């Protein structure tokens, strides 16, 4: 019969360690921070500019207080220096800005968004970041579907911002609606809580990416993952965004390339795949340029990307007047500023962006700003790429399994790059937060479990289930 000895060989049995309530609350707060960015203009459409501003500022203050209390470990030598340089140049534009009020206002929004991205990256581990982004996407997509259901089943007609019903007999341009009541119209586009079909589509695409990654990592129950993948796919298709479709195609190409790269075991073996990838990229660009009439017609869009070429021409005409330093930071353009009010009008509404990230930066901060933004993306893409394709290794062992979680940064970078060709979204709110969040994290922790805010090396490196998120 076994007898308990006074000198046991191992520790006495004990219940498993549980996360502290404070850390659970911190994770929940990070989910809300990411959700706020993904929701975009939802707060403004629902409650107005004043309430939206209060929510954004209050959220930033809370995050700042939490940062001062927690004091997360950050390696100061591994900061996203191009992001900081871009911010310094944008701040300096206050000196020569043609629209100083807009520069000051949007610069404050940029600082808040950047700070929130740094906050989430510093507070959470890689696995917690993916889980937080997943939860925020679920809230965004779930509320969008619920909102469209309420409009279609209860309101039964389009809805204007501020929960206002349109007057009967009055013809409105569809662009002014918060919801067009198209959920059960297979040919119509839905807009979700953001009130923008293009934004809803790219958020749904991000949802597909994150949910599939977590499914592959066995981080979520299979039934739950299937449901959320189906919801994201439904909203993605029903939003009907040509830019999002092109982003999805680019994501598939990059994903296949990464998975092929992971199969290489011999030195120099990746060269062939790099060459093939370059050929595919060039061929795709050629098809997009020379067959764009046919391609966009198949997607139900005009060859000029629904009037975007006309917008680009007007923006470039103004941008070349101050090509080196630009006119002054303004992301987004504030429609009540006299410099933008009525400058470019689309469907009777003042345009608030250049619909191209690079042209927008060129207008605001000139060639210098474009070079700094190129540095932001070049450094992020470089690190994200090798974060995805390199086998995790910190000693002589070279057979550790890859983690699906490492796919996230490079796939998100792909989405942002393609979106940046037809939208300025990567410069503001959700797009900028993701580039800052993932950019800082991939610099601070180039391996899962390595770097500030990550969990212990013993668990992350030694446990076979460490690749599960």
Protein backbone atom coordinates (compact mmCIF):
# COMPACT_ATOMS: atom_id res chain seq x y z
CA UNK A 1 0.00 0.00 0.00
CA UNK A 2 1.30 3.44 -0.92
CA UNK A 3 2.26 5.56 2.04
CA UNK A 4 2.71 9.31 1.95
CA UNK A 5 6.29 10.07 2.94
CA UNK A 6 7.52 13.14 4.76
CA UNK A 7 10.17 13.53 2.08
CA UNK A 8 8.33 13.40 -1.27
CA UNK A 9 10.28 13.33 -4.54
CA UNK A 10 8.03 15.99 -6.13
CA UNK A 11 5.79 18.84 -5.03
CA UNK A 12 2.50 18.12 -3.34
CA UNK A 13 -0.60 18.11 -5.59
CA UNK A 14 -2.03 21.58 -6.09
CA UNK A 15 -4.77 23.13 -8.20
CA UNK A 16 -3.66 24.59 -11.55
CA UNK A 17 -2.64 28.21 -11.66
CA UNK A 18 -5.40 30.60 -12.68
CA UNK A 19 -5.18 34.03 -14.18
CA UNK A 20 -5.66 36.88 -11.79
CA UNK A 21 -8.82 38.92 -12.01
CA UNK A 22 -6.80 42.03 -12.74
CA UNK A 23 -5.22 40.47 -15.80
CA UNK A 24 -8.58 39.22 -17.04
CA UNK A 25 -9.93 42.76 -16.74
CA UNK A 26 -6.86 44.06 -18.59
CA UNK A 27 -7.49 41.64 -21.44
CA UNK A 28 -11.15 42.65 -21.57
CA UNK A 29 -10.13 46.32 -21.74
CA UNK A 30 -7.75 45.58 -24.62
CA UNK A 31 -10.61 43.87 -26.46
CA UNK A 32 -12.69 47.04 -26.08
CA UNK A 33 -9.80 49.20 -27.29
CA UNK A 34 -9.39 47.11 -30.45
CA UNK A 35 -13.18 46.97 -30.94
CA UNK A 36 -13.38 50.74 -30.76
CA UNK A 37 -10.87 51.00 -33.61
CA UNK A 38 -12.58 48.35 -35.73
CA UNK A 39 -16.01 49.91 -35.22
CA UNK A 40 -14.77 53.01 -37.00
CA UNK A 41 -17.46 55.67 -37.33
CA UNK A 42 -20.12 53.60 -35.55
CA UNK A 43 -20.01 55.79 -32.43
CA UNK A 44 -20.44 58.96 -34.52
CA UNK A 45 -23.27 57.52 -36.60
CA UNK A 46 -25.10 56.31 -33.50
CA UNK A 47 -24.56 59.15 -31.01
CA UNK A 48 -23.00 62.09 -32.84
CA UNK A 49 -19.57 63.71 -32.96
CA UNK A 50 -19.62 65.07 -29.38
CA UNK A 51 -20.41 61.74 -27.72
CA UNK A 52 -17.96 59.92 -30.00
CA UNK A 53 -15.20 62.36 -29.05
CA UNK A 54 -15.88 61.89 -25.34
CA UNK A 55 -15.73 58.10 -25.71
CA UNK A 56 -12.43 58.21 -27.63
CA UNK A 57 -10.78 60.64 -25.19
CA UNK A 58 -12.07 58.80 -22.11
CA UNK A 59 -10.80 55.50 -23.47
CA UNK A 60 -7.36 57.01 -24.08
CA UNK A 61 -7.23 58.41 -20.53
CA UNK A 62 -8.15 55.03 -19.02
CA UNK A 63 -5.45 53.29 -21.08
CA UNK A 64 -2.89 55.87 -19.98
CA UNK A 65 -3.81 55.34 -16.31
CA UNK A 66 -3.60 51.55 -16.71
CA UNK A 67 -0.19 51.90 -18.40
CA UNK A 68 1.13 54.01 -15.50
CA UNK A 69 -0.19 51.50 -12.95
CA UNK A 70 0.95 48.31 -14.69
CA UNK A 71 4.17 49.67 -16.23
CA UNK A 72 4.56 46.89 -18.81
CA UNK A 73 8.11 45.92 -19.77
CA UNK A 74 9.18 47.53 -23.04
CA UNK A 75 12.58 47.20 -24.70
CA UNK A 76 13.31 50.81 -25.63
CA UNK A 77 15.89 49.69 -28.20
CA UNK A 78 13.15 47.88 -30.13
CA UNK A 79 10.60 50.62 -30.77
CA UNK A 80 8.98 51.23 -34.18
CA UNK A 81 11.26 54.13 -35.06
CA UNK A 82 9.72 54.90 -38.45
CA UNK A 83 6.30 55.22 -36.79
CA UNK A 84 7.73 57.68 -34.29
CA UNK A 85 9.59 59.58 -37.05
CA UNK A 86 6.37 59.83 -39.07
CA UNK A 87 4.59 61.19 -35.99
CA UNK A 88 7.32 63.76 -35.38
CA UNK A 89 7.12 64.94 -39.01
CA UNK A 90 3.31 65.11 -38.82
CA UNK A 91 3.57 67.18 -35.64
CA UNK A 92 6.14 69.46 -37.25
CA UNK A 93 3.66 70.15 -40.07
CA UNK A 94 1.76 72.36 -37.60
CA UNK A 95 4.39 74.99 -38.43
CA UNK A 96 3.45 75.27 -42.12
CA UNK A 97 0.00 73.66 -42.23
CA UNK A 98 -2.55 75.34 -44.49
CA UNK A 99 -5.28 73.96 -42.20
CA UNK A 100 -3.82 74.17 -38.64
CA UNK A 101 -7.14 73.44 -36.90
CA UNK A 102 -7.60 70.23 -38.87
CA UNK A 103 -3.95 69.29 -38.35
CA UNK A 104 -4.22 69.75 -34.59
CA UNK A 105 -7.50 67.83 -34.33
CA UNK A 106 -6.50 64.88 -36.50
CA UNK A 107 -3.03 64.79 -34.96
CA UNK A 108 -4.67 64.28 -31.57
CA UNK A 109 -6.66 61.39 -33.04
CA UNK A 110 -3.44 59.96 -34.52
CA UNK A 111 -1.66 60.19 -31.16
CA UNK A 112 -4.55 58.43 -29.41
CA UNK A 113 -4.68 55.66 -32.01
CA UNK A 114 -0.90 55.19 -31.91
CA UNK A 115 -0.90 55.14 -28.13
CA UNK A 116 -3.67 52.56 -28.01
CA UNK A 117 -1.80 50.33 -30.45
CA UNK A 118 1.35 50.55 -28.34
CA UNK A 119 -0.73 49.91 -25.21
CA UNK A 120 -2.24 46.63 -26.45
CA UNK A 121 1.10 45.42 -27.86
CA UNK A 122 2.92 46.10 -24.59
CA UNK A 123 0.25 44.61 -22.32
CA UNK A 124 -0.50 41.29 -24.01
CA UNK A 125 1.40 38.26 -25.27
CA UNK A 126 1.17 37.14 -28.89
CA UNK A 127 -1.52 34.59 -28.05
CA UNK A 128 -3.49 37.13 -26.05
CA UNK A 129 -3.23 39.68 -28.89
CA UNK A 130 -4.64 37.22 -31.42
CA UNK A 131 -7.40 36.29 -28.96
CA UNK A 132 -8.19 39.97 -28.26
CA UNK A 133 -8.34 40.85 -31.96
CA UNK A 134 -10.55 37.81 -32.53
CA UNK A 135 -12.94 38.85 -29.75
CA UNK A 136 -13.07 42.45 -31.03
CA UNK A 137 -13.82 41.21 -34.55
CA UNK A 138 -16.61 39.01 -33.21
CA UNK A 139 -18.19 41.98 -31.47
CA UNK A 140 -17.87 44.14 -34.58
CA UNK A 141 -19.23 41.57 -37.00
CA UNK A 142 -21.87 40.28 -34.60
CA UNK A 143 -23.21 43.78 -33.90
CA UNK A 144 -23.15 44.55 -37.63
CA UNK A 145 -25.24 41.49 -38.42
CA UNK A 146 -27.62 42.21 -35.53
CA UNK A 147 -27.95 45.85 -36.61
CA UNK A 148 -28.82 44.88 -40.19
CA UNK A 149 -31.31 42.30 -38.89
CA UNK A 150 -33.05 44.90 -36.72
CA UNK A 151 -33.27 47.32 -39.63
CA UNK A 152 -34.65 44.66 -42.00
CA UNK A 153 -37.07 42.99 -39.57
CA UNK A 154 -38.27 45.90 -37.43
CA UNK A 155 -37.54 49.19 -39.21
CA UNK A 156 -38.13 47.72 -42.68
CA UNK A 157 -36.67 50.68 -44.53
CA UNK A 158 -33.32 52.47 -44.77
CA UNK A 159 -32.00 54.23 -41.68
CA UNK A 160 -30.15 57.55 -41.44
CA UNK A 161 -27.40 58.35 -38.91
CA UNK A 162 -28.61 59.14 -35.41
CA UNK A 163 -31.40 56.55 -35.64
CA UNK A 164 -33.38 58.90 -37.88
CA UNK A 165 -35.93 57.51 -40.33
CA UNK A 166 -35.93 59.09 -43.78
CA UNK A 167 -39.00 61.11 -44.74
CA UNK A 168 -41.37 59.20 -46.95
CA UNK A 169 -41.53 60.48 -50.50
CA UNK A 170 -38.10 62.15 -50.25
CA UNK A 171 -35.36 60.68 -52.43
CA UNK A 172 -32.00 60.29 -50.67
CA UNK A 173 -28.68 59.32 -52.16
CA UNK A 174 -27.77 55.83 -50.83
CA UNK A 175 -24.42 57.20 -49.62
CA UNK A 176 -26.10 59.11 -46.76
CA UNK A 177 -27.78 56.05 -45.23
CA UNK A 178 -26.43 54.36 -42.13
CA UNK A 179 -28.16 51.16 -43.27
CA UNK A 180 -29.74 50.64 -46.69
CA UNK A 181 -31.96 47.78 -45.52
CA UNK A 182 -30.32 45.37 -47.95
CA UNK A 183 -29.74 42.35 -45.72
CA UNK A 184 -32.35 40.23 -47.52
CA UNK A 185 -31.65 41.80 -50.90
CA UNK A 186 -29.09 39.55 -52.57
CA UNK A 187 -28.12 42.27 -55.04
CA UNK A 188 -27.79 45.02 -52.44
CA UNK A 189 -24.76 45.93 -50.30
CA UNK A 190 -24.90 46.01 -46.51
CA UNK A 191 -22.88 48.48 -44.43
CA UNK A 192 -22.95 47.22 -40.83
CA UNK A 193 -22.52 49.44 -37.81
CA UNK A 194 -19.75 51.33 -39.61
CA UNK A 195 -22.20 52.62 -42.24
CA UNK A 196 -19.66 51.78 -44.95
CA UNK A 197 -19.75 48.65 -47.10
CA UNK A 198 -16.05 48.84 -47.99
CA UNK A 199 -15.04 49.08 -44.34
CA UNK A 200 -17.38 46.26 -43.34
CA UNK A 201 -15.93 44.05 -46.09
CA UNK A 202 -12.32 44.53 -45.00
CA UNK A 203 -13.25 43.95 -41.33
CA UNK A 204 -15.00 40.73 -42.40
CA UNK A 205 -11.87 39.73 -44.34
CA UNK A 206 -9.76 40.31 -41.22
CA UNK A 207 -12.28 38.18 -39.36
CA UNK A 208 -11.85 35.33 -41.85
CA UNK A 209 -8.08 35.54 -41.44
CA UNK A 210 -8.07 35.63 -37.63
CA UNK A 211 -10.80 33.01 -37.13
CA UNK A 212 -9.10 30.58 -39.52
CA UNK A 213 -5.74 31.12 -37.80
CA UNK A 214 -7.24 30.38 -34.39
CA UNK A 215 -8.99 27.32 -35.79
CA UNK A 216 -5.72 26.04 -37.22
CA UNK A 217 -4.05 26.70 -33.86
CA UNK A 218 -6.80 24.76 -32.02
CA UNK A 219 -7.41 27.88 -29.94
CA UNK A 220 -11.18 27.76 -30.30
CA UNK A 221 -13.87 25.11 -30.34
CA UNK A 222 -14.50 23.82 -33.84
CA UNK A 223 -18.26 24.54 -33.80
CA UNK A 224 -17.73 28.12 -32.62
CA UNK A 225 -15.01 28.70 -35.20
CA UNK A 226 -17.22 27.44 -38.03
CA UNK A 227 -20.08 29.73 -36.98
CA UNK A 228 -17.89 32.84 -36.88
CA UNK A 229 -16.15 31.96 -40.14
CA UNK A 230 -19.58 31.60 -41.75
CA UNK A 231 -20.74 34.98 -40.34
CA UNK A 232 -17.58 36.69 -41.57
CA UNK A 233 -17.93 35.10 -45.02
CA UNK A 234 -21.60 36.16 -45.25
CA UNK A 235 -20.82 39.78 -44.39
CA UNK A 236 -17.76 39.79 -46.65
CA UNK A 237 -19.75 38.68 -49.70
CA UNK A 238 -22.82 40.78 -48.92
CA UNK A 239 -20.75 43.95 -48.47
CA UNK A 240 -19.62 43.54 -52.08
CA UNK A 241 -16.34 45.49 -52.00
CA UNK A 242 -14.11 45.10 -55.08
CA UNK A 243 -11.08 46.25 -53.09
CA UNK A 244 -11.77 43.63 -50.43
CA UNK A 245 -12.03 40.93 -53.10
CA UNK A 246 -8.62 41.93 -54.45
CA UNK A 247 -7.26 41.95 -50.89
CA UNK A 248 -8.58 38.43 -50.36
CA UNK A 249 -6.90 37.24 -53.56
CA UNK A 250 -3.61 38.80 -52.45
CA UNK A 251 -3.94 37.16 -49.03
CA UNK A 252 -4.39 33.74 -50.65
CA UNK A 253 -1.28 34.24 -52.79
CA UNK A 254 0.80 35.31 -49.79
CA UNK A 255 -0.56 32.48 -47.63
CA UNK A 256 0.31 29.85 -50.23
CA UNK A 257 3.79 31.35 -50.63
CA UNK A 258 4.41 31.33 -46.87
CA UNK A 259 3.29 27.71 -46.54
CA UNK A 260 5.57 26.72 -49.42
CA UNK A 261 8.46 28.60 -47.85
CA UNK A 262 7.94 26.63 -44.66
CA UNK A 263 8.56 23.37 -46.51
CA UNK A 264 12.09 24.36 -47.55
CA UNK A 265 14.85 22.59 -45.60
CA UNK A 266 17.90 23.11 -47.81
CA UNK A 267 19.97 26.32 -47.89
CA UNK A 268 19.05 28.46 -50.88
CA UNK A 269 15.90 26.45 -51.53
CA UNK A 270 13.68 29.49 -51.13
CA UNK A 271 15.21 31.26 -54.12
CA UNK A 272 13.03 29.34 -56.59
CA UNK A 273 9.88 30.24 -54.68
CA UNK A 274 10.92 33.88 -54.44
CA UNK A 275 11.38 33.97 -58.21
CA UNK A 276 8.02 32.27 -58.80
CA UNK A 277 6.36 34.63 -56.34
CA UNK A 278 7.82 37.64 -58.18
CA UNK A 279 6.55 36.29 -61.51
CA UNK A 280 3.06 35.76 -60.10
CA UNK A 281 3.05 39.24 -58.56
CA UNK A 282 4.16 40.88 -61.82
CA UNK A 283 1.65 38.86 -63.83
CA UNK A 284 -1.13 39.81 -61.45
CA UNK A 285 -0.20 43.48 -61.65
CA UNK A 286 -0.16 43.29 -65.46
CA UNK A 287 -3.58 41.63 -65.58
CA UNK A 288 -4.96 44.19 -63.15
CA UNK A 289 -3.65 47.06 -65.28
CA UNK A 290 -4.38 45.85 -68.82
CA UNK A 291 -7.60 43.93 -68.15
CA UNK A 292 -9.05 46.17 -65.47
CA UNK A 293 -12.13 47.01 -67.56
CA UNK A 294 -13.12 43.34 -67.76
CA UNK A 295 -12.03 42.57 -64.20
CA UNK A 296 -13.90 45.41 -62.53
CA UNK A 297 -16.93 44.86 -64.73
CA UNK A 298 -17.05 41.28 -63.44
CA UNK A 299 -16.91 42.69 -59.90
CA UNK A 300 -19.68 45.15 -60.69
CA UNK A 301 -17.40 48.21 -60.55
CA UNK A 302 -16.26 50.77 -63.09
CA UNK A 303 -12.70 50.71 -64.42
CA UNK A 304 -11.89 53.99 -62.63
CA UNK A 305 -12.70 52.36 -59.26
CA UNK A 306 -16.00 54.19 -58.87
CA UNK A 307 -14.65 57.64 -59.58
CA UNK A 308 -11.41 57.30 -57.64
CA UNK A 309 -9.22 58.28 -60.58
CA UNK A 310 -10.94 61.64 -60.73
CA UNK A 311 -10.32 62.14 -57.01
CA UNK A 312 -6.64 61.20 -57.42
CA UNK A 313 -6.19 63.72 -60.20
CA UNK A 314 -7.58 66.56 -58.10
CA UNK A 315 -5.54 65.60 -55.04
CA UNK A 316 -2.31 65.27 -57.02
CA UNK A 317 -2.93 68.64 -58.68
CA UNK A 318 -2.93 70.27 -55.25
CA UNK A 319 -0.17 68.06 -53.81
CA UNK A 320 2.42 69.01 -56.45
CA UNK A 321 2.16 72.63 -55.34
CA UNK A 322 4.04 71.65 -52.13
CA UNK A 323 5.77 68.41 -53.16
CA UNK A 324 8.48 68.24 -50.48
CA UNK A 325 6.78 69.05 -47.17
CA UNK A 326 3.10 68.91 -48.12
CA UNK A 327 0.17 71.04 -47.03
CA UNK A 328 -0.11 69.77 -43.46
CA UNK A 329 -1.25 66.64 -41.68
CA UNK A 330 -4.97 65.83 -42.05
CA UNK A 331 -6.04 62.22 -41.57
CA UNK A 332 -8.97 62.20 -42.16
CA UNK A 333 -9.97 65.40 -43.95
CA UNK A 334 -12.47 67.23 -41.77
CA UNK A 335 -15.47 68.19 -43.95
CA UNK A 336 -16.24 71.34 -41.94
CA UNK A 337 -12.82 72.82 -42.71
CA UNK A 338 -13.16 75.37 -45.50
CA UNK A 339 -10.19 73.85 -47.36
CA UNK A 340 -12.06 70.54 -47.72
CA UNK A 341 -15.72 71.54 -47.57
CA UNK A 342 -16.94 71.26 -51.14
CA UNK A 343 -13.44 70.75 -52.57
CA UNK A 344 -14.12 67.20 -53.86
CA UNK A 345 -17.75 66.13 -53.85
CA UNK A 346 -19.02 62.60 -54.47
CA UNK A 347 -22.77 61.89 -54.61
CA UNK A 348 -23.41 65.26 -53.01
CA UNK A 349 -21.11 64.57 -50.03
CA UNK A 350 -17.72 66.14 -49.28
CA UNK A 351 -14.97 63.55 -49.70
CA UNK A 352 -12.91 62.97 -46.53
CA UNK A 353 -9.96 61.08 -48.00
CA UNK A 354 -7.91 60.71 -51.17
CA UNK A 355 -8.92 57.05 -51.56
CA UNK A 356 -5.25 56.16 -51.85
CA UNK A 357 -2.96 56.01 -48.86
CA UNK A 358 0.18 57.14 -50.69
CA UNK A 359 -1.47 60.04 -52.53
CA UNK A 360 -3.04 61.14 -49.25
CA UNK A 361 0.33 61.17 -47.49
CA UNK A 362 1.89 63.01 -50.44
CA UNK A 363 -0.76 65.74 -50.16
CA UNK A 364 -0.32 66.10 -46.41
CA UNK A 365 3.39 65.57 -45.76
CA UNK A 366 5.03 65.62 -49.19
CA UNK A 367 7.77 63.34 -50.43
CA UNK A 368 9.35 63.24 -46.97
CA UNK A 369 6.13 61.86 -45.52
CA UNK A 370 5.83 59.27 -48.30
CA UNK A 371 9.39 58.07 -47.61
CA UNK A 372 8.70 57.79 -43.88
CA UNK A 373 5.47 55.87 -44.51
CA UNK A 374 7.35 53.59 -46.91
CA UNK A 375 9.84 52.98 -44.10
CA UNK A 376 6.98 52.09 -41.73
CA UNK A 377 5.65 49.45 -44.11
CA UNK A 378 9.01 48.19 -45.36
CA UNK A 379 10.35 47.46 -41.87
CA UNK A 380 7.07 45.94 -40.73
CA UNK A 381 6.68 43.71 -43.79
CA UNK A 382 10.32 42.56 -43.58
CA UNK A 383 9.98 41.44 -39.96
CA UNK A 384 6.46 40.05 -40.39
CA UNK A 385 7.57 37.98 -43.38
CA UNK A 386 10.42 36.23 -41.58
CA UNK A 387 8.30 35.96 -38.44
CA UNK A 388 5.95 33.84 -40.60
CA UNK A 389 8.39 31.75 -42.67
CA UNK A 390 11.28 31.09 -40.29
CA UNK A 391 11.10 28.06 -38.03
CA UNK A 392 11.13 29.06 -34.34
CA UNK A 393 14.69 28.53 -33.14
CA UNK A 394 16.78 29.86 -30.25
CA UNK A 395 19.23 26.97 -29.77
CA UNK A 396 20.63 24.01 -31.76
CA UNK A 397 17.25 22.34 -32.13
CA UNK A 398 15.76 23.01 -35.58
CA UNK A 399 12.66 20.80 -35.68
CA UNK A 400 10.18 22.79 -33.63
CA UNK A 401 6.75 23.10 -35.29
CA UNK A 402 5.53 26.32 -36.85
CA UNK A 403 2.69 28.19 -35.19
CA UNK A 404 -0.34 29.35 -37.21
CA UNK A 405 -0.34 32.51 -35.06
CA UNK A 406 2.81 33.77 -36.79
CA UNK A 407 0.82 34.16 -40.03
CA UNK A 408 -1.20 37.08 -38.67
CA UNK A 409 1.23 40.03 -39.15
CA UNK A 410 2.16 39.26 -42.77
CA UNK A 411 -1.46 38.59 -43.82
CA UNK A 412 -2.64 41.80 -42.15
CA UNK A 413 0.17 43.69 -43.90
CA UNK A 414 -1.07 42.28 -47.22
CA UNK A 415 -4.61 43.51 -46.55
CA UNK A 416 -3.40 46.98 -45.56
CA UNK A 417 -1.16 47.32 -48.63
CA UNK A 418 -3.94 46.40 -51.06
CA UNK A 419 -6.48 48.53 -49.22
CA UNK A 420 -4.05 51.43 -49.33
CA UNK A 421 -4.26 51.47 -53.14
CA UNK A 422 -7.95 52.44 -53.14
CA UNK A 423 -8.61 53.66 -49.59
CA UNK A 424 -6.91 55.82 -46.97
CA UNK A 425 -8.15 53.56 -44.17
CA UNK A 426 -4.63 52.27 -43.33
CA UNK A 427 -3.76 55.82 -42.20
CA UNK A 428 -6.48 56.13 -39.56
CA UNK A 429 -8.11 54.29 -36.68
CA UNK A 430 -8.31 50.52 -37.37
CA UNK A 431 -5.63 50.39 -40.06
CA UNK A 432 -3.11 52.52 -38.23
CA UNK A 433 -3.74 50.78 -34.91
CA UNK A 434 -3.05 47.35 -36.44
CA UNK A 435 0.18 48.48 -38.11
CA UNK A 436 1.40 50.02 -34.82
CA UNK A 437 0.22 47.14 -32.63
CA UNK A 438 1.67 44.34 -34.75
CA UNK A 439 4.71 46.40 -35.73
CA UNK A 440 5.74 46.97 -32.11
CA UNK A 441 4.96 43.41 -31.10
CA UNK A 442 6.98 41.78 -33.88
CA UNK A 443 9.96 43.98 -32.94
CA UNK A 444 9.65 43.35 -29.20
CA UNK A 445 8.91 39.62 -29.51
CA UNK A 446 10.31 38.18 -32.78
CA UNK A 447 9.55 34.66 -31.46
CA UNK A 448 6.49 33.43 -29.63
CA UNK A 449 7.31 33.54 -25.95
CA UNK A 450 10.41 35.68 -26.35
CA UNK A 451 10.51 39.31 -25.33
CA UNK A 452 8.68 41.66 -22.97
CA UNK A 453 5.12 40.77 -21.91
CA UNK A 454 5.49 37.16 -23.07
CA UNK A 455 5.00 34.21 -20.73
CA UNK A 456 7.80 32.10 -19.29
CA UNK A 457 10.28 30.42 -21.59
CA UNK A 458 9.67 27.06 -19.94
CA UNK A 459 6.01 27.02 -20.95
CA UNK A 460 6.39 28.71 -24.31
CA UNK A 461 9.40 26.69 -25.42
CA UNK A 462 9.10 23.37 -23.67
CA UNK A 463 5.40 22.51 -23.76
CA UNK A 464 4.31 20.72 -26.97
CA UNK A 465 0.98 22.61 -26.91
CA UNK A 466 2.76 25.98 -26.87
CA UNK A 467 1.91 26.49 -30.53
CA UNK A 468 -1.76 26.50 -29.73
CA UNK A 469 -3.23 29.91 -29.20
